[in-house]
Protein backbone atom coordinates (compact mmCIF):
# COMPACT_ATOMS: atom_id res chain seq x y z
CA MET A 1 10.96 13.67 -68.17
CA HIS A 2 11.94 12.16 -64.85
CA TYR A 3 10.06 10.72 -61.94
CA ILE A 4 11.03 11.22 -58.33
CA THR A 5 12.05 8.08 -56.48
CA VAL A 6 11.26 7.15 -52.90
CA ASP A 7 14.93 7.73 -52.03
CA ASN A 8 14.75 11.26 -53.51
CA ALA A 9 11.61 12.01 -51.51
CA ILE A 10 13.16 10.76 -48.27
CA SER A 11 16.28 12.84 -48.89
CA ILE A 12 14.22 16.01 -49.48
CA ILE A 13 12.14 15.38 -46.35
CA GLN A 14 15.29 14.91 -44.25
CA LYS A 15 16.76 18.19 -45.57
CA LEU A 16 13.60 20.16 -44.73
CA CYS A 17 13.60 18.89 -41.13
CA GLN A 18 10.67 18.78 -38.74
CA GLY A 19 7.76 21.11 -39.24
CA CYS A 20 7.70 20.90 -43.02
CA PHE A 21 4.40 20.33 -44.76
CA LEU A 22 3.93 17.34 -47.04
CA PHE A 23 1.15 16.83 -49.52
CA LYS A 24 0.26 14.42 -52.26
CA LEU A 25 -1.58 15.21 -55.46
CA ASP A 26 -3.80 12.88 -57.36
CA ILE A 27 -2.36 13.45 -60.83
CA LYS A 28 -5.31 11.77 -62.54
CA SER A 29 -7.65 14.43 -61.21
CA ALA A 30 -5.17 17.19 -62.19
CA PHE A 31 -5.02 16.29 -65.89
CA PRO A 32 -8.45 17.82 -66.66
CA LEU A 33 -7.15 21.16 -65.38
CA TYR A 34 -4.80 21.48 -68.35
CA PRO A 35 -6.51 22.56 -71.60
CA SER A 36 -5.73 20.56 -74.74
CA PRO A 37 -3.40 22.37 -77.11
CA SER A 38 -5.44 23.69 -80.04
CA VAL A 39 -2.96 22.01 -82.39
CA SER A 40 -4.02 18.61 -81.05
CA LEU A 41 -7.76 19.09 -81.47
CA GLY A 42 -7.70 17.17 -84.74
CA THR A 43 -6.19 14.14 -83.03
CA LEU A 44 -8.27 14.44 -79.88
CA ARG A 45 -11.61 13.92 -81.55
CA HIS A 46 -13.83 10.98 -82.27
CA GLU A 47 -17.02 10.50 -84.23
CA MET A 48 -20.09 8.64 -83.09
CA GLU A 49 -23.44 8.57 -84.88
CA CYS A 50 -22.38 11.39 -87.23
CA LEU A 51 -21.43 13.66 -84.34
CA TYR A 52 -17.91 14.82 -83.54
CA TYR A 53 -16.64 14.95 -79.97
CA PHE A 54 -13.48 16.85 -79.00
CA HIS A 55 -11.37 16.61 -75.87
CA THR A 56 -11.00 20.17 -74.62
CA VAL A 57 -8.78 19.14 -71.71
CA LEU A 58 -5.83 16.79 -71.51
CA PRO A 59 -7.16 13.20 -71.44
CA PHE A 60 -5.59 10.94 -68.83
CA GLY A 61 -4.92 7.98 -71.16
CA LEU A 62 -3.15 9.96 -73.89
CA TRP A 63 0.38 8.61 -74.46
CA SER A 64 1.94 12.11 -74.49
CA ALA A 65 -0.11 13.38 -71.53
CA PRO A 66 2.55 12.60 -68.88
CA TYR A 67 5.18 14.57 -70.83
CA ILE A 68 2.85 17.53 -71.44
CA PHE A 69 1.73 17.56 -67.82
CA ASP A 70 5.35 17.31 -66.62
CA GLN A 71 6.22 20.42 -68.63
CA PHE A 72 3.21 22.20 -67.13
CA SER A 73 4.11 21.16 -63.55
CA CYS A 74 7.74 22.28 -64.06
CA MET A 75 6.42 25.70 -65.06
CA ILE A 76 4.26 25.84 -61.92
CA GLU A 77 7.27 24.85 -59.80
CA TRP A 78 9.36 27.61 -61.40
CA ILE A 79 6.64 30.19 -60.68
CA ILE A 80 6.45 29.07 -57.05
CA LYS A 81 10.23 29.30 -56.64
CA ALA A 82 11.14 32.34 -58.77
CA ILE A 83 8.11 34.58 -58.49
CA LEU A 84 6.70 33.70 -55.08
CA GLY A 85 10.05 32.91 -53.46
CA ILE A 86 8.78 29.71 -51.84
CA LEU A 87 11.32 26.92 -51.51
CA VAL A 88 10.09 23.63 -52.91
C-alpha cells in the first residue's frame, strides 16, 4: 500500500493543465460503503448483555481497513481507466 504525497499530487495537477477537475474524498465516510468480508464476521463481532453485534461494513478503526480499502479503491481506479476509458 502506498500513499500519495503532496509532491505527487502537484506533479499530476501540473501534467493535467488548466481546466482539470479536482476533488477530495472523505475516506472516513467511504469506509461504510465497503461490506465486511464474510470471513471476518467472527472477528468483527462483540457481545454486550448476552447479545451479539456484527459489523456488516468495514469499520474505520480496524487495523487492516486501510489496506482493504486501498485494494478496493485500486479496483475502482482500474474500472474507471480500463472500462470507462477515463484518464485518472
